[in-house]
């Protein structure tokens, strides 16, 4: 296990409106506000047709192929995620959400695009003094969170007694 220490920066309260699209809306907001790292909380509704990544087709594949599920109707939404900049300094949202309609629930990652239905309430807790960022993993092709800096001068730490 590796970890990075950070400090709490600004706190943002957002009201997303009908048709605002995830992840686009939150990534744009992060760019405009200069947010490089944050925790994100979402509560609200999701529109019919949103696309959610619900798992890999084959969990053992070296380069997993995502399974995509479309939301079948307007749904309640609850999500938690993070924003970290990638290697180009662009803020990238990683938000997992549960979408419920009647007795059915779809849970997954919003990276394929989900539009807000009526309202979305979002709290963004900015994290400061961290070098954590997303980097492309050559084996999987995923943009994975890396803690610490590549120069070795960052805030990266490895817990004792834990293998990587």
C-alpha atoms as a PDB file:
ATOM      1  CA  UNK A   1       0.000   0.000   0.000  1.00  0.00           C
ATOM      2  CA  UNK A   2       1.160   3.496  -0.788  1.00  0.00           C
ATOM      3  CA  UNK A   3      -0.334   6.657   0.559  1.00  0.00           C
ATOM      4  CA  UNK A   4      -0.046  10.395   0.345  1.00  0.00           C
ATOM      5  CA  UNK A   5      -0.875  13.018   2.927  1.00  0.00           C
ATOM      6  CA  UNK A   6      -2.850  16.099   1.874  1.00  0.00           C
ATOM      7  CA  UNK A   7      -4.519  19.117   3.421  1.00  0.00           C
ATOM      8  CA  UNK A   8      -8.088  20.309   3.043  1.00  0.00           C
ATOM      9  CA  UNK A   9      -8.400  23.328   0.770  1.00  0.00           C
ATOM     10  CA  UNK A  10     -11.550  25.019  -0.471  1.00  0.00           C
ATOM     11  CA  UNK A  11     -15.018  23.488  -0.201  1.00  0.00           C
ATOM     12  CA  UNK A  12     -17.452  23.918  -3.109  1.00  0.00           C
ATOM     13  CA  UNK A  13     -21.211  23.343  -3.090  1.00  0.00           C
ATOM     14  CA  UNK A  14     -22.653  22.863  -6.587  1.00  0.00           C
ATOM     15  CA  UNK A  15     -26.193  22.550  -7.852  1.00  0.00           C
ATOM     16  CA  UNK A  16     -26.178  20.681 -11.148  1.00  0.00           C
ATOM     17  CA  UNK A  17     -29.215  21.144 -13.342  1.00  0.00           C
ATOM     18  CA  UNK A  18     -31.268  19.166 -15.816  1.00  0.00           C
ATOM     19  CA  UNK A  19     -29.005  17.951 -18.628  1.00  0.00           C
ATOM     20  CA  UNK A  20     -25.647  18.722 -16.990  1.00  0.00           C
ATOM     21  CA  UNK A  21     -23.387  15.829 -17.975  1.00  0.00           C
ATOM     22  CA  UNK A  22     -20.989  13.844 -15.824  1.00  0.00           C
ATOM     23  CA  UNK A  23     -18.021  13.727 -15.937  1.00  0.00           C
ATOM     24  CA  UNK A  24     -17.801  16.759 -18.279  1.00  0.00           C
ATOM     25  CA  UNK A  25     -19.465  19.322 -15.991  1.00  0.00           C
ATOM     26  CA  UNK A  26     -17.336  18.537 -12.934  1.00  0.00           C
ATOM     27  CA  UNK A  27     -14.082  18.303 -14.894  1.00  0.00           C
ATOM     28  CA  UNK A  28     -14.790  21.682 -16.522  1.00  0.00           C
ATOM     29  CA  UNK A  29     -15.567  23.204 -13.114  1.00  0.00           C
ATOM     30  CA  UNK A  30     -12.320  21.771 -11.697  1.00  0.00           C
ATOM     31  CA  UNK A  31     -10.325  23.302 -14.597  1.00  0.00           C
ATOM     32  CA  UNK A  32     -11.999  26.698 -14.147  1.00  0.00           C
ATOM     33  CA  UNK A  33     -11.336  26.691 -10.392  1.00  0.00           C
ATOM     34  CA  UNK A  34      -7.792  25.309 -10.597  1.00  0.00           C
ATOM     35  CA  UNK A  35      -8.684  22.177  -8.620  1.00  0.00           C
ATOM     36  CA  UNK A  36      -5.873  19.600  -8.929  1.00  0.00           C
ATOM     37  CA  UNK A  37      -7.111  17.115  -6.310  1.00  0.00           C
ATOM     38  CA  UNK A  38     -10.451  16.644  -4.542  1.00  0.00           C
ATOM     39  CA  UNK A  39     -13.004  14.321  -2.967  1.00  0.00           C
ATOM     40  CA  UNK A  40     -16.448  14.460  -4.604  1.00  0.00           C
ATOM     41  CA  UNK A  41     -19.902  13.572  -3.279  1.00  0.00           C
ATOM     42  CA  UNK A  42     -23.036  13.436  -5.485  1.00  0.00           C
ATOM     43  CA  UNK A  43     -26.723  13.235  -4.604  1.00  0.00           C
ATOM     44  CA  UNK A  44     -29.600  13.702  -7.037  1.00  0.00           C
ATOM     45  CA  UNK A  45     -31.126  12.253 -10.172  1.00  0.00           C
ATOM     46  CA  UNK A  46     -29.851  10.712 -13.417  1.00  0.00           C
ATOM     47  CA  UNK A  47     -31.533  10.870 -16.816  1.00  0.00           C
ATOM     48  CA  UNK A  48     -32.675   7.915 -18.931  1.00  0.00           C
ATOM     49  CA  UNK A  49     -29.955   6.572 -21.227  1.00  0.00           C
ATOM     50  CA  UNK A  50     -26.929   7.417 -19.091  1.00  0.00           C
ATOM     51  CA  UNK A  51     -24.021   5.038 -19.717  1.00  0.00           C
ATOM     52  CA  UNK A  52     -22.374   3.401 -16.705  1.00  0.00           C
ATOM     53  CA  UNK A  53     -19.337   1.106 -16.634  1.00  0.00           C
ATOM     54  CA  UNK A  54     -20.505  -1.893 -14.588  1.00  0.00           C
ATOM     55  CA  UNK A  55     -17.386  -4.056 -14.708  1.00  0.00           C
ATOM     56  CA  UNK A  56     -14.904  -5.697 -17.037  1.00  0.00           C
ATOM     57  CA  UNK A  57     -16.067  -8.375 -19.456  1.00  0.00           C
ATOM     58  CA  UNK A  58     -13.183 -10.544 -18.208  1.00  0.00           C
ATOM     59  CA  UNK A  59     -11.599  -9.622 -14.875  1.00  0.00           C
ATOM     60  CA  UNK A  60      -8.483 -11.651 -15.692  1.00  0.00           C
ATOM     61  CA  UNK A  61      -7.767  -9.916 -19.026  1.00  0.00           C
ATOM     62  CA  UNK A  62      -4.531  -7.915 -19.213  1.00  0.00           C
ATOM     63  CA  UNK A  63      -6.407  -5.041 -20.904  1.00  0.00           C
ATOM     64  CA  UNK A  64      -9.961  -5.261 -19.526  1.00  0.00           C
ATOM     65  CA  UNK A  65     -12.865  -4.467 -21.857  1.00  0.00           C
ATOM     66  CA  UNK A  66     -15.537  -2.450 -20.007  1.00  0.00           C
ATOM     67  CA  UNK A  67     -19.141  -3.609 -19.738  1.00  0.00           C
ATOM     68  CA  UNK A  68     -21.544  -0.699 -20.304  1.00  0.00           C
ATOM     69  CA  UNK A  69     -25.086  -0.507 -18.954  1.00  0.00           C
ATOM     70  CA  UNK A  70     -27.627   2.125 -20.003  1.00  0.00           C
ATOM     71  CA  UNK A  71     -29.982   3.562 -17.404  1.00  0.00           C
ATOM     72  CA  UNK A  72     -33.504   2.459 -18.334  1.00  0.00           C
ATOM     73  CA  UNK A  73     -35.311   5.425 -16.797  1.00  0.00           C
ATOM     74  CA  UNK A  74     -34.890   8.518 -14.671  1.00  0.00           C
ATOM     75  CA  UNK A  75     -33.141   7.284 -11.527  1.00  0.00           C
ATOM     76  CA  UNK A  76     -32.120   8.362  -8.064  1.00  0.00           C
ATOM     77  CA  UNK A  77     -28.340   8.803  -7.844  1.00  0.00           C
ATOM     78  CA  UNK A  78     -25.788   8.626  -5.051  1.00  0.00           C
ATOM     79  CA  UNK A  79     -22.066   8.752  -5.766  1.00  0.00           C
ATOM     80  CA  UNK A  80     -18.603   9.255  -4.362  1.00  0.00           C
ATOM     81  CA  UNK A  81     -15.391   9.893  -6.218  1.00  0.00           C
ATOM     82  CA  UNK A  82     -12.184  11.805  -6.660  1.00  0.00           C
ATOM     83  CA  UNK A  83     -10.671  14.372  -8.965  1.00  0.00           C
ATOM     84  CA  UNK A  84      -6.931  14.258  -9.688  1.00  0.00           C
ATOM     85  CA  UNK A  85      -5.013  15.793 -12.548  1.00  0.00           C
ATOM     86  CA  UNK A  86      -3.526  13.504 -15.175  1.00  0.00           C
ATOM     87  CA  UNK A  87       0.007  13.680 -16.586  1.00  0.00           C
ATOM     88  CA  UNK A  88      -1.046  16.656 -18.745  1.00  0.00           C
ATOM     89  CA  UNK A  89      -2.347  18.562 -15.705  1.00  0.00           C
ATOM     90  CA  UNK A  90      -5.992  18.050 -16.724  1.00  0.00           C
ATOM     91  CA  UNK A  91      -8.440  17.303 -13.856  1.00  0.00           C
ATOM     92  CA  UNK A  92     -10.066  13.866 -14.313  1.00  0.00           C
ATOM     93  CA  UNK A  93     -13.114  12.701 -12.363  1.00  0.00           C
ATOM     94  CA  UNK A  94     -13.414   9.104 -11.132  1.00  0.00           C
ATOM     95  CA  UNK A  95     -16.967   8.829  -9.776  1.00  0.00           C
ATOM     96  CA  UNK A  96     -18.755   5.613  -8.854  1.00  0.00           C
ATOM     97  CA  UNK A  97     -22.472   5.907  -8.344  1.00  0.00           C
ATOM     98  CA  UNK A  98     -25.523   3.816  -7.579  1.00  0.00           C
ATOM     99  CA  UNK A  99     -28.593   4.565  -9.703  1.00  0.00           C
ATOM    100  CA  UNK A 100     -31.920   3.289  -8.426  1.00  0.00           C
ATOM    101  CA  UNK A 101     -35.304   3.091 -10.129  1.00  0.00           C
ATOM    102  CA  UNK A 102     -38.158   1.301  -8.394  1.00  0.00           C
ATOM    103  CA  UNK A 103     -36.550  -1.944  -7.169  1.00  0.00           C
ATOM    104  CA  UNK A 104     -33.626  -2.032  -9.574  1.00  0.00           C
ATOM    105  CA  UNK A 105     -30.174  -0.581  -8.975  1.00  0.00           C
ATOM    106  CA  UNK A 106     -27.248  -0.141 -11.347  1.00  0.00           C
ATOM    107  CA  UNK A 107     -23.888   0.642  -9.782  1.00  0.00           C
ATOM    108  CA  UNK A 108     -20.817   1.697 -11.689  1.00  0.00           C
ATOM    109  CA  UNK A 109     -18.445   4.354 -12.971  1.00  0.00           C
ATOM    110  CA  UNK A 110     -19.892   7.432 -14.690  1.00  0.00           C
ATOM    111  CA  UNK A 111     -16.962   7.919 -17.116  1.00  0.00           C
ATOM    112  CA  UNK A 112     -19.073   6.974 -20.171  1.00  0.00           C
ATOM    113  CA  UNK A 113     -21.517   9.820 -19.513  1.00  0.00           C
ATOM    114  CA  UNK A 114     -24.551  10.377 -17.308  1.00  0.00           C
ATOM    115  CA  UNK A 115     -26.854  13.382 -17.557  1.00  0.00           C
ATOM    116  CA  UNK A 116     -28.478  14.884 -14.499  1.00  0.00           C
ATOM    117  CA  UNK A 117     -32.254  14.534 -14.236  1.00  0.00           C
ATOM    118  CA  UNK A 118     -33.742  17.678 -12.658  1.00  0.00           C
ATOM    119  CA  UNK A 119     -31.082  18.278  -9.970  1.00  0.00           C
ATOM    120  CA  UNK A 120     -27.731  17.082  -8.714  1.00  0.00           C
ATOM    121  CA  UNK A 121     -26.164  18.258  -5.495  1.00  0.00           C
ATOM    122  CA  UNK A 122     -22.376  18.001  -5.384  1.00  0.00           C
ATOM    123  CA  UNK A 123     -19.883  18.734  -2.643  1.00  0.00           C
ATOM    124  CA  UNK A 124     -16.241  19.064  -3.712  1.00  0.00           C
ATOM    125  CA  UNK A 125     -13.578  19.008  -0.990  1.00  0.00           C
ATOM    126  CA  UNK A 126     -10.356  20.305  -2.499  1.00  0.00           C
ATOM    127  CA  UNK A 127      -7.159  18.549  -1.410  1.00  0.00           C
ATOM    128  CA  UNK A 128      -3.939  20.569  -1.329  1.00  0.00           C
ATOM    129  CA  UNK A 129      -0.244  19.868  -0.767  1.00  0.00           C
ATOM    130  CA  UNK A 130      -0.298  16.522  -2.530  1.00  0.00           C
ATOM    131  CA  UNK A 131       1.573  15.327  -5.602  1.00  0.00           C
ATOM    132  CA  UNK A 132      -0.922  12.525  -6.274  1.00  0.00           C
ATOM    133  CA  UNK A 133      -2.008  12.350  -9.921  1.00  0.00           C
ATOM    134  CA  UNK A 134      -3.418  10.001 -12.524  1.00  0.00           C
ATOM    135  CA  UNK A 135      -0.929   8.249 -14.822  1.00  0.00           C
ATOM    136  CA  UNK A 136      -1.502   5.836 -17.698  1.00  0.00           C
ATOM    137  CA  UNK A 137      -0.695   2.271 -16.686  1.00  0.00           C
ATOM    138  CA  UNK A 138       0.950   0.605 -19.710  1.00  0.00           C
ATOM    139  CA  UNK A 139      -0.358  -2.876 -18.817  1.00  0.00           C
ATOM    140  CA  UNK A 140      -4.047  -2.007 -18.439  1.00  0.00           C
ATOM    141  CA  UNK A 141      -4.334   1.285 -20.301  1.00  0.00           C
ATOM    142  CA  UNK A 142      -6.144   2.729 -17.248  1.00  0.00           C
ATOM    143  CA  UNK A 143      -5.362   6.186 -15.893  1.00  0.00           C
ATOM    144  CA  UNK A 144      -4.473   5.061 -12.366  1.00  0.00           C
ATOM    145  CA  UNK A 145      -3.895   7.160  -9.275  1.00  0.00           C
ATOM    146  CA  UNK A 146      -0.224   7.439  -8.370  1.00  0.00           C
ATOM    147  CA  UNK A 147       0.857   8.930  -5.069  1.00  0.00           C
ATOM    148  CA  UNK A 148       4.111  10.818  -4.654  1.00  0.00           C
ATOM    149  CA  UNK A 149       6.232  12.404  -7.318  1.00  0.00           C
ATOM    150  CA  UNK A 150       8.355  10.734  -9.957  1.00  0.00           C
ATOM    151  CA  UNK A 151      11.336  12.792  -8.766  1.00  0.00           C
ATOM    152  CA  UNK A 152      11.292  11.067  -5.387  1.00  0.00           C
ATOM    153  CA  UNK A 153      10.839  14.396  -3.588  1.00  0.00           C
ATOM    154  CA  UNK A 154       7.079  14.107  -3.175  1.00  0.00           C
ATOM    155  CA  UNK A 155       4.878  12.986  -0.342  1.00  0.00           C
ATOM    156  CA  UNK A 156       4.812   9.303  -1.288  1.00  0.00           C
ATOM    157  CA  UNK A 157       4.982   6.840   1.549  1.00  0.00           C
ATOM    158  CA  UNK A 158       4.822   3.083   1.696  1.00  0.00           C
ATOM    159  CA  UNK A 159       3.286   1.408   4.712  1.00  0.00           C
ATOM    160  CA  UNK A 160       5.733  -0.883   6.477  1.00  0.00           C
ATOM    161  CA  UNK A 161       5.099  -4.591   6.221  1.00  0.00           C
ATOM    162  CA  UNK A 162       2.733  -4.303   3.259  1.00  0.00           C
ATOM    163  CA  UNK A 163       3.721  -5.676  -0.143  1.00  0.00           C
ATOM    164  CA  UNK A 164       2.886  -3.727  -3.288  1.00  0.00           C
END
